[in-house]
Amino acid sequence: MNHMVDISVIVPCFNAERYLRVCLESLKAQETPEIEMIFIDDGSSDATGAILDAFARTEPRAQVVHILNSGVSAARNRGLSMAKGRYIAFVDADDALEEDSFARLYQAAVRSGAQITSANHILFDEALGQRVPVEIEPVVQQPSEIVREIIHMHRIYNNIWNKLYVRDLFDGDMTLDEGVRIGEDALLNLRLYLRARRVSHLPECTYVYRVHSRSAMASIGGYSEAHQPMLRSMSGILLSEGVKELYFRDFLQSCVWVDEKEQGIRACMRVFNEKIRPLVLAGVNGARIPQKDAAVYRMVVAGRFPQFYLMQRVKEKLTGRKWGIRR
């Protein structure tokens, strides 16, 4: 397929034979707009490669590339280098699309002129056999506010598989961080939403995300340790874009939440000054901290944040009002 199509769909595949046929059938059913399917077989040792090759022989919109195992981000980046579409979409091999997903996303993107169009999705719990809609409420309209949500690990804005991106957003060095295993989606979206000027959200479910025992999130081990590479990269992105001070409190809360989720509040605060504070303060210019966050910044610098945070959590229990956003 040498001409420009409407959407390039990038599908990284690694040992996905158990679910792959469902994914392929859902892609095949997407009749409009015009799409190309780019499958990257990431060194699979099962029948994944053979299934993909057989599919491509009967589906003219599909192309398959077999590579040595390099990880999902490297596979997606390979797909990006091949994409010819006006828009980019990502699909995981163990997930599936709802009927007319791309048609609905494409129409919404063209109608709004958005550079990124997101949508709600279905969470399918394989063990329970349940489909649960995951919806945004309320919808955030401004890219700068979505950046805040991504830092807080939003369950829709962080993912790349429920969105349609204008291809031009990827111009330059806009690729996935191949050194990050957990949260690589969020890091790419952070950069893309910092670049985007207009975004939109489709209040329909277009994607089915499968939760199963082989998924990446089901096997990450220690939660806090697994998320540290993502947090370090997030800090670097915010610094390089000159906005870490603007999102100082948000990044602080996210760093705390990741550790607190695994260790608990008190254990997290006992190690805050030694373990968490250095990354929170790294590269930050105190003179650029927004006035509304200045007091919190000074407490972090002075080492008094743990006492303050413990008091805030007590107030939460009494009032029901959260200090910031925690997912």
C-alpha atoms as a PDB file:
ATOM      1  CA  MET A   1       0.000   0.000   0.000  1.00  0.00           C
ATOM      2  CA  ASN A   2       1.962   2.980  -1.330  1.00  0.00           C
ATOM      3  CA  HIS A   3      -0.635   5.782  -1.213  1.00  0.00           C
ATOM      4  CA  MET A   4      -1.678   7.707   1.864  1.00  0.00           C
ATOM      5  CA  VAL A   5      -4.513   6.057   3.782  1.00  0.00           C
ATOM      6  CA  ASP A   6      -6.786   7.536   6.432  1.00  0.00           C
ATOM      7  CA  ILE A   7      -5.461   5.567   9.424  1.00  0.00           C
ATOM      8  CA  SER A   8      -2.327   3.536  10.065  1.00  0.00           C
ATOM      9  CA  VAL A   9      -3.100   0.925  12.726  1.00  0.00           C
ATOM     10  CA  ILE A  10      -0.005  -0.327  14.552  1.00  0.00           C
ATOM     11  CA  VAL A  11      -0.301  -3.694  16.311  1.00  0.00           C
ATOM     12  CA  PRO A  12       2.687  -5.063  18.293  1.00  0.00           C
ATOM     13  CA  CYS A  13       2.410  -8.828  18.752  1.00  0.00           C
ATOM     14  CA  PHE A  14       4.319 -11.085  21.118  1.00  0.00           C
ATOM     15  CA  ASN A  15       3.206 -14.658  21.867  1.00  0.00           C
ATOM     16  CA  ALA A  16      -0.395 -13.602  21.371  1.00  0.00           C
ATOM     17  CA  GLU A  17      -1.803 -16.728  19.706  1.00  0.00           C
ATOM     18  CA  ARG A  18      -4.408 -17.233  22.436  1.00  0.00           C
ATOM     19  CA  TYR A  19      -6.216 -13.941  21.695  1.00  0.00           C
ATOM     20  CA  LEU A  20      -4.897 -12.844  18.323  1.00  0.00           C
ATOM     21  CA  ARG A  21      -7.688 -14.183  16.110  1.00  0.00           C
ATOM     22  CA  VAL A  22     -10.303 -12.155  18.013  1.00  0.00           C
ATOM     23  CA  CYS A  23      -8.199  -9.036  17.506  1.00  0.00           C
ATOM     24  CA  LEU A  24      -7.749  -9.765  13.789  1.00  0.00           C
ATOM     25  CA  GLU A  25     -11.450 -10.323  13.208  1.00  0.00           C
ATOM     26  CA  SER A  26     -12.287  -7.038  14.906  1.00  0.00           C
ATOM     27  CA  LEU A  27      -9.769  -5.239  12.677  1.00  0.00           C
ATOM     28  CA  LYS A  28     -11.026  -6.939   9.539  1.00  0.00           C
ATOM     29  CA  ALA A  29     -14.549  -5.764  10.343  1.00  0.00           C
ATOM     30  CA  GLN A  30     -13.462  -2.096  10.259  1.00  0.00           C
ATOM     31  CA  GLU A  31     -14.611  -1.290   6.716  1.00  0.00           C
ATOM     32  CA  THR A  32     -14.322   2.509   6.773  1.00  0.00           C
ATOM     33  CA  PRO A  33     -12.347   4.710   6.700  1.00  0.00           C
ATOM     34  CA  GLU A  34      -9.420   3.378   4.669  1.00  0.00           C
ATOM     35  CA  ILE A  35      -6.865   1.783   6.967  1.00  0.00           C
ATOM     36  CA  GLU A  36      -3.549  -0.006   6.773  1.00  0.00           C
ATOM     37  CA  MET A  37      -2.741  -2.608   9.419  1.00  0.00           C
ATOM     38  CA  ILE A  38       0.912  -2.819  10.442  1.00  0.00           C
ATOM     39  CA  PHE A  39       1.651  -5.928  12.489  1.00  0.00           C
ATOM     40  CA  ILE A  40       5.025  -6.173  14.201  1.00  0.00           C
ATOM     41  CA  ASP A  41       5.767  -9.730  15.319  1.00  0.00           C
ATOM     42  CA  ASP A  42       8.162  -9.079  18.190  1.00  0.00           C
ATOM     43  CA  GLY A  43      10.110 -12.337  18.103  1.00  0.00           C
ATOM     44  CA  SER A  44       7.176 -14.555  19.102  1.00  0.00           C
ATOM     45  CA  SER A  45       7.985 -18.192  19.909  1.00  0.00           C
ATOM     46  CA  ASP A  46       4.411 -19.465  19.510  1.00  0.00           C
ATOM     47  CA  ALA A  47       2.123 -19.478  16.455  1.00  0.00           C
ATOM     48  CA  THR A  48       1.683 -15.688  16.404  1.00  0.00           C
ATOM     49  CA  GLY A  49       3.887 -15.163  13.346  1.00  0.00           C
ATOM     50  CA  ALA A  50       2.170 -17.898  11.351  1.00  0.00           C
ATOM     51  CA  ILE A  51      -1.290 -16.568  12.234  1.00  0.00           C
ATOM     52  CA  LEU A  52      -0.282 -13.082  11.103  1.00  0.00           C
ATOM     53  CA  ASP A  53       1.226 -14.310   7.835  1.00  0.00           C
ATOM     54  CA  ALA A  54      -1.913 -16.310   7.041  1.00  0.00           C
ATOM     55  CA  PHE A  55      -4.100 -13.282   7.802  1.00  0.00           C
ATOM     56  CA  ALA A  56      -1.999 -10.998   5.565  1.00  0.00           C
ATOM     57  CA  ARG A  57      -2.362 -13.402   2.647  1.00  0.00           C
ATOM     58  CA  THR A  58      -6.130 -12.836   2.631  1.00  0.00           C
ATOM     59  CA  GLU A  59      -6.259  -9.235   3.903  1.00  0.00           C
ATOM     60  CA  PRO A  60      -4.755  -6.732   1.423  1.00  0.00           C
ATOM     61  CA  ARG A  61      -4.733  -3.959   4.041  1.00  0.00           C
ATOM     62  CA  ALA A  62      -2.334  -5.915   6.292  1.00  0.00           C
ATOM     63  CA  GLN A  63       1.442  -6.094   6.327  1.00  0.00           C
ATOM     64  CA  VAL A  64       3.587  -8.108   8.720  1.00  0.00           C
ATOM     65  CA  VAL A  65       7.141  -7.507   9.871  1.00  0.00           C
ATOM     66  CA  HIS A  66       9.013 -10.103  11.936  1.00  0.00           C
ATOM     67  CA  ILE A  67      11.735  -8.741  14.233  1.00  0.00           C
ATOM     68  CA  LEU A  68      13.913 -10.062  17.033  1.00  0.00           C
ATOM     69  CA  ASN A  69      12.299  -9.637  20.412  1.00  0.00           C
ATOM     70  CA  SER A  70      12.889  -6.015  21.438  1.00  0.00           C
ATOM     71  CA  GLY A  71       9.869  -5.097  23.575  1.00  0.00           C
ATOM     72  CA  VAL A  72       6.531  -3.491  22.877  1.00  0.00           C
ATOM     73  CA  SER A  73       7.867   0.066  22.581  1.00  0.00           C
ATOM     74  CA  ALA A  74      10.472  -0.909  19.990  1.00  0.00           C
ATOM     75  CA  ALA A  75       7.774  -2.783  18.059  1.00  0.00           C
ATOM     76  CA  ARG A  76       5.471   0.230  18.087  1.00  0.00           C
ATOM     77  CA  ASN A  77       8.319   2.506  17.027  1.00  0.00           C
ATOM     78  CA  ARG A  78       9.033   0.200  14.095  1.00  0.00           C
ATOM     79  CA  GLY A  79       5.386   0.490  13.122  1.00  0.00           C
ATOM     80  CA  LEU A  80       5.522   4.275  13.383  1.00  0.00           C
ATOM     81  CA  SER A  81       8.473   4.350  10.994  1.00  0.00           C
ATOM     82  CA  MET A  82       6.354   2.508   8.411  1.00  0.00           C
ATOM     83  CA  ALA A  83       3.050   4.365   8.855  1.00  0.00           C
ATOM     84  CA  LYS A  84       1.618   6.277   5.893  1.00  0.00           C
ATOM     85  CA  GLY A  85      -1.755   7.276   7.301  1.00  0.00           C
ATOM     86  CA  ARG A  86      -3.113  10.748   8.015  1.00  0.00           C
ATOM     87  CA  TYR A  87      -3.874   9.445  11.501  1.00  0.00           C
ATOM     88  CA  ILE A  88      -2.166   6.914  13.756  1.00  0.00           C
ATOM     89  CA  ALA A  89      -3.933   4.336  15.928  1.00  0.00           C
ATOM     90  CA  PHE A  90      -2.542   1.637  18.207  1.00  0.00           C
ATOM     91  CA  VAL A  91      -4.133  -1.717  19.017  1.00  0.00           C
ATOM     92  CA  ASP A  92      -2.766  -4.426  21.306  1.00  0.00           C
ATOM     93  CA  ALA A  93      -2.884  -8.005  20.053  1.00  0.00           C
ATOM     94  CA  ASP A  94      -4.838  -9.320  23.050  1.00  0.00           C
ATOM     95  CA  ASP A  95      -7.539  -6.645  22.776  1.00  0.00           C
ATOM     96  CA  ALA A  96     -10.294  -5.936  20.257  1.00  0.00           C
ATOM     97  CA  LEU A  97     -12.216  -3.105  18.626  1.00  0.00           C
ATOM     98  CA  GLU A  98     -15.924  -2.475  18.874  1.00  0.00           C
ATOM     99  CA  GLU A  99     -17.981  -2.300  15.692  1.00  0.00           C
ATOM    100  CA  ASP A 100     -17.219   0.759  13.517  1.00  0.00           C
ATOM    101  CA  SER A 101     -14.672   2.031  16.050  1.00  0.00           C
ATOM    102  CA  PHE A 102     -12.397   3.680  13.522  1.00  0.00           C
ATOM    103  CA  ALA A 103     -15.289   5.165  11.573  1.00  0.00           C
ATOM    104  CA  ARG A 104     -16.601   6.849  14.717  1.00  0.00           C
ATOM    105  CA  LEU A 105     -13.174   8.069  15.846  1.00  0.00           C
ATOM    106  CA  TYR A 106     -12.286   9.310  12.380  1.00  0.00           C
ATOM    107  CA  GLN A 107     -15.561  11.200  11.927  1.00  0.00           C
ATOM    108  CA  ALA A 108     -15.145  12.819  15.349  1.00  0.00           C
ATOM    109  CA  ALA A 109     -11.544  13.813  14.586  1.00  0.00           C
ATOM    110  CA  VAL A 110     -12.396  15.324  11.194  1.00  0.00           C
ATOM    111  CA  ARG A 111     -15.467  17.093  12.549  1.00  0.00           C
ATOM    112  CA  SER A 112     -13.607  18.692  15.469  1.00  0.00           C
ATOM    113  CA  GLY A 113     -10.245  19.227  13.796  1.00  0.00           C
ATOM    114  CA  ALA A 114      -8.632  17.654  16.877  1.00  0.00           C
ATOM    115  CA  GLN A 115      -5.060  16.466  16.763  1.00  0.00           C
ATOM    116  CA  ILE A 116      -5.847  13.823  19.377  1.00  0.00           C
ATOM    117  CA  THR A 117      -9.261  12.195  19.673  1.00  0.00           C
ATOM    118  CA  SER A 118      -9.801   9.890  22.640  1.00  0.00           C
ATOM    119  CA  ALA A 119     -12.718   7.597  23.447  1.00  0.00           C
ATOM    120  CA  ASN A 120     -14.102   5.523  26.295  1.00  0.00           C
ATOM    121  CA  HIS A 121     -13.440   1.800  26.414  1.00  0.00           C
ATOM    122  CA  ILE A 122     -14.665  -1.509  27.767  1.00  0.00           C
ATOM    123  CA  LEU A 123     -12.682  -3.320  30.441  1.00  0.00           C
ATOM    124  CA  PHE A 124     -13.127  -7.055  29.849  1.00  0.00           C
ATOM    125  CA  ASP A 125     -12.202  -9.185  32.859  1.00  0.00           C
ATOM    126  CA  GLU A 126     -11.417 -12.577  31.382  1.00  0.00           C
ATOM    127  CA  ALA A 127     -11.599 -14.426  34.708  1.00  0.00           C
ATOM    128  CA  LEU A 128     -15.034 -13.047  35.552  1.00  0.00           C
ATOM    129  CA  GLY A 129     -16.326 -12.785  31.994  1.00  0.00           C
ATOM    130  CA  GLN A 130     -17.490  -9.233  32.690  1.00  0.00           C
ATOM    131  CA  ARG A 131     -17.511  -6.164  30.432  1.00  0.00           C
ATOM    132  CA  VAL A 132     -17.290  -2.891  32.365  1.00  0.00           C
ATOM    133  CA  PRO A 133     -17.461   0.500  30.593  1.00  0.00           C
ATOM    134  CA  VAL A 134     -14.672   2.929  31.536  1.00  0.00           C
ATOM    135  CA  GLU A 135     -15.824   6.495  30.967  1.00  0.00           C
ATOM    136  CA  ILE A 136     -14.448   9.986  31.502  1.00  0.00           C
ATOM    137  CA  GLU A 137     -16.533  12.190  33.755  1.00  0.00           C
ATOM    138  CA  PRO A 138     -16.212  15.063  33.330  1.00  0.00           C
ATOM    139  CA  VAL A 139     -14.483  15.361  29.944  1.00  0.00           C
ATOM    140  CA  VAL A 140     -11.384  17.605  29.993  1.00  0.00           C
ATOM    141  CA  GLN A 141     -11.223  19.968  27.026  1.00  0.00           C
ATOM    142  CA  GLN A 142      -7.804  21.620  27.336  1.00  0.00           C
ATOM    143  CA  PRO A 143      -4.535  19.789  26.495  1.00  0.00           C
ATOM    144  CA  SER A 144      -2.802  21.500  29.449  1.00  0.00           C
ATOM    145  CA  GLU A 145      -5.363  20.035  31.850  1.00  0.00           C
ATOM    146  CA  ILE A 146      -5.100  16.599  30.256  1.00  0.00           C
ATOM    147  CA  VAL A 147      -1.347  16.771  30.917  1.00  0.00           C
ATOM    148  CA  ARG A 148      -2.243  17.175  34.599  1.00  0.00           C
ATOM    149  CA  GLU A 149      -4.496  14.124  34.390  1.00  0.00           C
ATOM    150  CA  ILE A 150      -1.756  12.068  32.710  1.00  0.00           C
ATOM    151  CA  ILE A 151       0.690  12.921  35.482  1.00  0.00           C
ATOM    152  CA  HIS A 152      -1.952  11.593  37.868  1.00  0.00           C
ATOM    153  CA  MET A 153      -2.136   8.356  35.821  1.00  0.00           C
ATOM    154  CA  HIS A 154      -5.609   8.793  34.383  1.00  0.00           C
ATOM    155  CA  ARG A 155      -7.197   5.506  33.326  1.00  0.00           C
ATOM    156  CA  ILE A 156      -8.219   6.807  29.890  1.00  0.00           C
ATOM    157  CA  TYR A 157      -5.884   9.652  28.956  1.00  0.00           C
ATOM    158  CA  ASN A 158      -2.771   7.612  29.788  1.00  0.00           C
ATOM    159  CA  ASN A 159      -3.468   4.865  27.245  1.00  0.00           C
ATOM    160  CA  ILE A 160      -2.517   5.050  23.567  1.00  0.00           C
ATOM    161  CA  TRP A 161      -4.854   2.314  22.332  1.00  0.00           C
ATOM    162  CA  ASN A 162      -8.124   4.260  22.673  1.00  0.00           C
ATOM    163  CA  LYS A 163      -7.099   7.263  20.592  1.00  0.00           C
ATOM    164  CA  LEU A 164      -6.600   8.630  17.107  1.00  0.00           C
ATOM    165  CA  TYR A 165      -3.573  10.875  16.555  1.00  0.00           C
ATOM    166  CA  VAL A 166      -2.829  13.214  13.671  1.00  0.00           C
ATOM    167  CA  ARG A 167       0.301  11.843  12.025  1.00  0.00           C
ATOM    168  CA  ASP A 168       2.056  15.230  12.085  1.00  0.00           C
ATOM    169  CA  LEU A 169       2.228  15.113  15.894  1.00  0.00           C
ATOM    170  CA  PHE A 170       4.919  12.447  15.542  1.00  0.00           C
ATOM    171  CA  ASP A 171       7.210  14.577  13.390  1.00  0.00           C
ATOM    172  CA  GLY A 172      10.672  14.887  14.823  1.00  0.00           C
ATOM    173  CA  ASP A 173      11.833  12.555  17.583  1.00  0.00           C
ATOM    174  CA  MET A 174       8.382  11.582  18.833  1.00  0.00           C
ATOM    175  CA  THR A 175       8.714   7.892  19.663  1.00  0.00           C
ATOM    176  CA  LEU A 176       8.093   5.631  22.629  1.00  0.00           C
ATOM    177  CA  ASP A 177      10.760   5.320  25.316  1.00  0.00           C
ATOM    178  CA  GLU A 178      12.168   1.826  24.752  1.00  0.00           C
ATOM    179  CA  GLY A 179      13.833   1.814  28.171  1.00  0.00           C
ATOM    180  CA  VAL A 180      10.533   2.002  30.078  1.00  0.00           C
ATOM    181  CA  ARG A 181       8.455  -1.147  30.538  1.00  0.00           C
ATOM    182  CA  ILE A 182       5.552   0.191  32.615  1.00  0.00           C
ATOM    183  CA  GLY A 183       3.949   3.532  31.768  1.00  0.00           C
ATOM    184  CA  GLU A 184       5.464   3.978  28.303  1.00  0.00           C
ATOM    185  CA  ASP A 185       1.983   4.859  26.988  1.00  0.00           C
ATOM    186  CA  ALA A 186       1.659   7.666  29.514  1.00  0.00           C
ATOM    187  CA  LEU A 187       5.054   9.122  28.633  1.00  0.00           C
ATOM    188  CA  LEU A 188       4.240   9.272  24.933  1.00  0.00           C
ATOM    189  CA  ASN A 189       0.844  10.833  25.624  1.00  0.00           C
ATOM    190  CA  LEU A 190       2.448  13.352  27.962  1.00  0.00           C
ATOM    191  CA  ARG A 191       4.659  14.560  25.121  1.00  0.00           C
ATOM    192  CA  LEU A 192       1.869  14.452  22.539  1.00  0.00           C
ATOM    193  CA  TYR A 193      -0.633  16.381  24.660  1.00  0.00           C
ATOM    194  CA  LEU A 194       2.042  18.958  25.502  1.00  0.00           C
ATOM    195  CA  ARG A 195       2.431  19.414  21.743  1.00  0.00           C
ATOM    196  CA  ALA A 196      -1.266  19.293  20.777  1.00  0.00           C
ATOM    197  CA  ARG A 197      -3.335  22.452  20.389  1.00  0.00           C
ATOM    198  CA  ARG A 198      -6.795  20.939  19.940  1.00  0.00           C
ATOM    199  CA  VAL A 199      -8.177  17.704  21.392  1.00  0.00           C
ATOM    200  CA  SER A 200     -11.554  16.009  21.609  1.00  0.00           C
ATOM    201  CA  HIS A 201     -13.194  13.074  23.354  1.00  0.00           C
ATOM    202  CA  LEU A 202     -15.770  10.669  21.984  1.00  0.00           C
ATOM    203  CA  PRO A 203     -18.199   9.573  24.743  1.00  0.00           C
ATOM    204  CA  GLU A 204     -18.640   6.133  23.166  1.00  0.00           C
ATOM    205  CA  CYS A 205     -16.769   2.904  23.887  1.00  0.00           C
ATOM    206  CA  THR A 206     -14.635   1.999  20.872  1.00  0.00           C
ATOM    207  CA  TYR A 207     -12.107  -0.405  22.362  1.00  0.00           C
ATOM    208  CA  VAL A 208     -12.159  -3.593  24.463  1.00  0.00           C
ATOM    209  CA  TYR A 209      -9.200  -3.913  26.830  1.00  0.00           C
ATOM    210  CA  ARG A 210      -8.683  -7.462  28.062  1.00  0.00           C
ATOM    211  CA  VAL A 211      -7.459  -8.055  31.620  1.00  0.00           C
ATOM    212  CA  HIS A 212      -5.785 -11.448  32.032  1.00  0.00           C
ATOM    213  CA  SER A 213      -2.975 -13.134  33.930  1.00  0.00           C
ATOM    214  CA  ARG A 214      -0.435 -12.659  31.108  1.00  0.00           C
ATOM    215  CA  SER A 215      -0.839  -8.898  30.788  1.00  0.00           C
ATOM    216  CA  ALA A 216       2.092  -6.624  31.611  1.00  0.00           C
ATOM    217  CA  MET A 217       0.360  -5.043  34.602  1.00  0.00           C
ATOM    218  CA  ALA A 218      -0.421  -8.480  36.054  1.00  0.00           C
ATOM    219  CA  SER A 219       3.277  -9.381  36.296  1.00  0.00           C
ATOM    220  CA  ILE A 220       5.089  -6.194  37.260  1.00  0.00           C
ATOM    221  CA  GLY A 221       6.144  -7.316  40.743  1.00  0.00           C
ATOM    222  CA  GLY A 222       6.786  -4.466  43.199  1.00  0.00           C
ATOM    223  CA  TYR A 223       4.492  -1.614  42.159  1.00  0.00           C
ATOM    224  CA  SER A 224       6.649   1.288  43.282  1.00  0.00           C
ATOM    225  CA  GLU A 225       9.927  -0.058  41.924  1.00  0.00           C
ATOM    226  CA  ALA A 226       8.329  -0.963  38.599  1.00  0.00           C
ATOM    227  CA  HIS A 227       7.074   2.626  38.140  1.00  0.00           C
ATOM    228  CA  GLN A 228      10.328   4.421  38.978  1.00  0.00           C
ATOM    229  CA  PRO A 229      11.679   4.416  35.371  1.00  0.00           C
ATOM    230  CA  MET A 230       8.414   5.989  34.217  1.00  0.00           C
ATOM    231  CA  LEU A 231       8.560   8.661  36.933  1.00  0.00           C
ATOM    232  CA  ARG A 232      12.190   9.484  36.117  1.00  0.00           C
ATOM    233  CA  SER A 233      11.345   9.816  32.431  1.00  0.00           C
ATOM    234  CA  MET A 234       8.285  11.915  33.269  1.00  0.00           C
ATOM    235  CA  SER A 235      10.472  14.272  35.282  1.00  0.00           C
ATOM    236  CA  GLY A 236      12.864  14.549  32.338  1.00  0.00           C
ATOM    237  CA  ILE A 237      10.045  15.337  29.900  1.00  0.00           C
ATOM    238  CA  LEU A 238       8.566  18.017  32.146  1.00  0.00           C
ATOM    239  CA  LEU A 239      12.000  19.579  32.580  1.00  0.00           C
ATOM    240  CA  SER A 240      12.834  19.517  28.886  1.00  0.00           C
ATOM    241  CA  GLU A 241       9.488  21.163  28.109  1.00  0.00           C
ATOM    242  CA  GLY A 242      10.082  23.774  30.814  1.00  0.00           C
ATOM    243  CA  VAL A 243       6.891  22.924  32.723  1.00  0.00           C
ATOM    244  CA  LYS A 244       7.968  20.886  35.744  1.00  0.00           C
ATOM    245  CA  GLU A 245       7.384  23.865  38.031  1.00  0.00           C
ATOM    246  CA  LEU A 246       3.906  24.388  36.559  1.00  0.00           C
ATOM    247  CA  TYR A 247       3.016  20.775  37.363  1.00  0.00           C
ATOM    248  CA  PHE A 248       5.133  20.541  40.527  1.00  0.00           C
ATOM    249  CA  ARG A 249       2.325  19.589  42.899  1.00  0.00           C
ATOM    250  CA  ASP A 250       0.876  17.084  40.432  1.00  0.00           C
ATOM    251  CA  PHE A 251       4.214  15.335  39.968  1.00  0.00           C
ATOM    252  CA  LEU A 252       4.795  15.345  43.733  1.00  0.00           C
ATOM    253  CA  GLN A 253       1.417  13.703  44.309  1.00  0.00           C
ATOM    254  CA  SER A 254       2.025  11.069  41.663  1.00  0.00           C
ATOM    255  CA  CYS A 255       5.430  10.134  43.105  1.00  0.00           C
ATOM    256  CA  VAL A 256       3.881   9.834  46.551  1.00  0.00           C
ATOM    257  CA  TRP A 257       0.882   7.854  45.315  1.00  0.00           C
ATOM    258  CA  VAL A 258       3.002   5.244  43.531  1.00  0.00           C
ATOM    259  CA  ASP A 259       4.941   4.503  46.729  1.00  0.00           C
ATOM    260  CA  GLU A 260       1.945   4.847  49.023  1.00  0.00           C
ATOM    261  CA  LYS A 261      -0.113   2.359  47.014  1.00  0.00           C
ATOM    262  CA  GLU A 262       2.407  -0.379  47.756  1.00  0.00           C
ATOM    263  CA  GLN A 263       3.843   0.630  51.136  1.00  0.00           C
ATOM    264  CA  GLY A 264       0.989   2.448  52.848  1.00  0.00           C
ATOM    265  CA  ILE A 265       0.846   6.074  53.997  1.00  0.00           C
ATOM    266  CA  ARG A 266       3.140   5.971  57.022  1.00  0.00           C
ATOM    267  CA  ALA A 267       5.799   3.769  55.429  1.00  0.00           C
ATOM    268  CA  CYS A 268       5.795   6.028  52.375  1.00  0.00           C
ATOM    269  CA  MET A 269       6.283   9.151  54.466  1.00  0.00           C
ATOM    270  CA  ARG A 270       9.090   7.557  56.467  1.00  0.00           C
ATOM    271  CA  VAL A 271      11.174   7.260  53.292  1.00  0.00           C
ATOM    272  CA  PHE A 272       9.897  10.382  51.530  1.00  0.00           C
ATOM    273  CA  ASN A 273      12.808  12.718  52.239  1.00  0.00           C
ATOM    274  CA  GLU A 274      15.427  10.133  51.312  1.00  0.00           C
ATOM    275  CA  LYS A 275      13.722   8.240  48.491  1.00  0.00           C
ATOM    276  CA  ILE A 276      11.050  10.436  46.871  1.00  0.00           C
ATOM    277  CA  ARG A 277      12.068  14.054  47.474  1.00  0.00           C
ATOM    278  CA  PRO A 278      15.233  14.006  45.299  1.00  0.00           C
ATOM    279  CA  LEU A 279      13.289  13.154  42.141  1.00  0.00           C
ATOM    280  CA  VAL A 280      10.486  15.603  42.973  1.00  0.00           C
ATOM    281  CA  LEU A 281      12.969  18.476  43.352  1.00  0.00           C
ATOM    282  CA  ALA A 282      15.359  17.473  40.559  1.00  0.00           C
ATOM    283  CA  GLY A 283      15.902  20.405  38.189  1.00  0.00           C
ATOM    284  CA  VAL A 284      13.169  22.540  39.745  1.00  0.00           C
ATOM    285  CA  ASN A 285      13.657  26.320  39.874  1.00  0.00           C
ATOM    286  CA  GLY A 286      11.896  27.492  43.017  1.00  0.00           C
ATOM    287  CA  ALA A 287      11.418  30.972  41.600  1.00  0.00           C
ATOM    288  CA  ARG A 288       9.147  29.529  38.894  1.00  0.00           C
ATOM    289  CA  ILE A 289       6.826  27.606  41.219  1.00  0.00           C
ATOM    290  CA  PRO A 290       3.219  28.919  40.954  1.00  0.00           C
ATOM    291  CA  GLN A 291       2.104  30.894  43.984  1.00  0.00           C
ATOM    292  CA  LYS A 292      -0.590  28.361  44.842  1.00  0.00           C
ATOM    293  CA  ASP A 293       2.084  25.650  45.224  1.00  0.00           C
ATOM    294  CA  ALA A 294       4.797  27.752  46.861  1.00  0.00           C
ATOM    295  CA  ALA A 295       4.002  26.679  50.424  1.00  0.00           C
ATOM    296  CA  VAL A 296       4.058  22.988  49.527  1.00  0.00           C
ATOM    297  CA  TYR A 297       7.316  23.477  47.630  1.00  0.00           C
ATOM    298  CA  ARG A 298       8.947  25.113  50.649  1.00  0.00           C
ATOM    299  CA  MET A 299       7.817  22.240  52.894  1.00  0.00           C
ATOM    300  CA  VAL A 300       9.339  19.696  50.503  1.00  0.00           C
ATOM    301  CA  VAL A 301      12.628  21.626  50.386  1.00  0.00           C
ATOM    302  CA  ALA A 302      12.729  21.945  54.183  1.00  0.00           C
ATOM    303  CA  GLY A 303      11.921  18.258  54.726  1.00  0.00           C
ATOM    304  CA  ARG A 304       8.609  18.985  56.464  1.00  0.00           C
ATOM    305  CA  PHE A 305       6.309  17.541  53.819  1.00  0.00           C
ATOM    306  CA  PRO A 306       5.774  14.136  55.540  1.00  0.00           C
ATOM    307  CA  GLN A 307       4.205  15.736  58.622  1.00  0.00           C
ATOM    308  CA  PHE A 308       2.016  17.959  56.443  1.00  0.00           C
ATOM    309  CA  TYR A 309       0.884  15.056  54.264  1.00  0.00           C
ATOM    310  CA  LEU A 310      -0.036  12.849  57.213  1.00  0.00           C
ATOM    311  CA  MET A 311      -2.189  15.686  58.568  1.00  0.00           C
ATOM    312  CA  GLN A 312      -3.891  16.087  55.172  1.00  0.00           C
ATOM    313  CA  ARG A 313      -4.762  12.402  55.061  1.00  0.00           C
ATOM    314  CA  VAL A 314      -6.347  12.625  58.499  1.00  0.00           C
ATOM    315  CA  LYS A 315      -8.404  15.599  57.289  1.00  0.00           C
ATOM    316  CA  GLU A 316      -9.507  13.563  54.278  1.00  0.00           C
ATOM    317  CA  LYS A 317     -11.012  10.921  56.523  1.00  0.00           C
ATOM    318  CA  LEU A 318     -12.858  13.569  58.495  1.00  0.00           C
ATOM    319  CA  THR A 319     -14.091  15.669  55.580  1.00  0.00           C
ATOM    320  CA  GLY A 320     -14.117  13.259  52.628  1.00  0.00           C
ATOM    321  CA  ARG A 321     -12.205  15.833  50.542  1.00  0.00           C
ATOM    322  CA  LYS A 322      -9.024  14.558  48.894  1.00  0.00           C
ATOM    323  CA  TRP A 323      -5.777  16.496  48.861  1.00  0.00           C
ATOM    324  CA  GLY A 324      -5.224  16.444  45.130  1.00  0.00           C
ATOM    325  CA  ILE A 325      -6.008  13.615  42.745  1.00  0.00           C
ATOM    326  CA  ARG A 326      -5.096  10.018  43.401  1.00  0.00           C
ATOM    327  CA  ARG A 327      -6.031   7.224  41.043  1.00  0.00           C
END
